[in-house]
Amino acid sequence: MTHRLTFRGTEVAAEPGQSVAAALVAAGILDWRTTRRGGRPRGLFCGIGVCFDCLLTIDGVPDQRACLVTAADGMTLGDDADSQDPGSPGEDDAANA
């Protein structure tokens, strides 16, 4: 049974056992938040929960790692102020130095 998720008003399909991040990438959605400083796009990077680039609001809970959350039918994905970067140390500092 294919699951149906909603990302910013758009329906996204997910296969059973697929992560939220994998479902978004399979649907052609490659970024879903931006960095706080610089507004750089972020989405799936490491895919194993180490880097925090894939943070997303899932069912109203902000800052969920989309690569670690298994997709479920009816999930709502998206905006908590566009899931801005929570302030990863140094993420944009090198570019601004």
Foldseek 3Di string as FASTA:
>chain_A
DWAWEAEPNDTWTDDFPQFQLRRCVVVVNAFQAAEPPPRHTFDDDPLPPDPQRHWWQKQNRGGDRRSPHTDHHYIYIHDPVSRYDPCDPPPCVVVVD
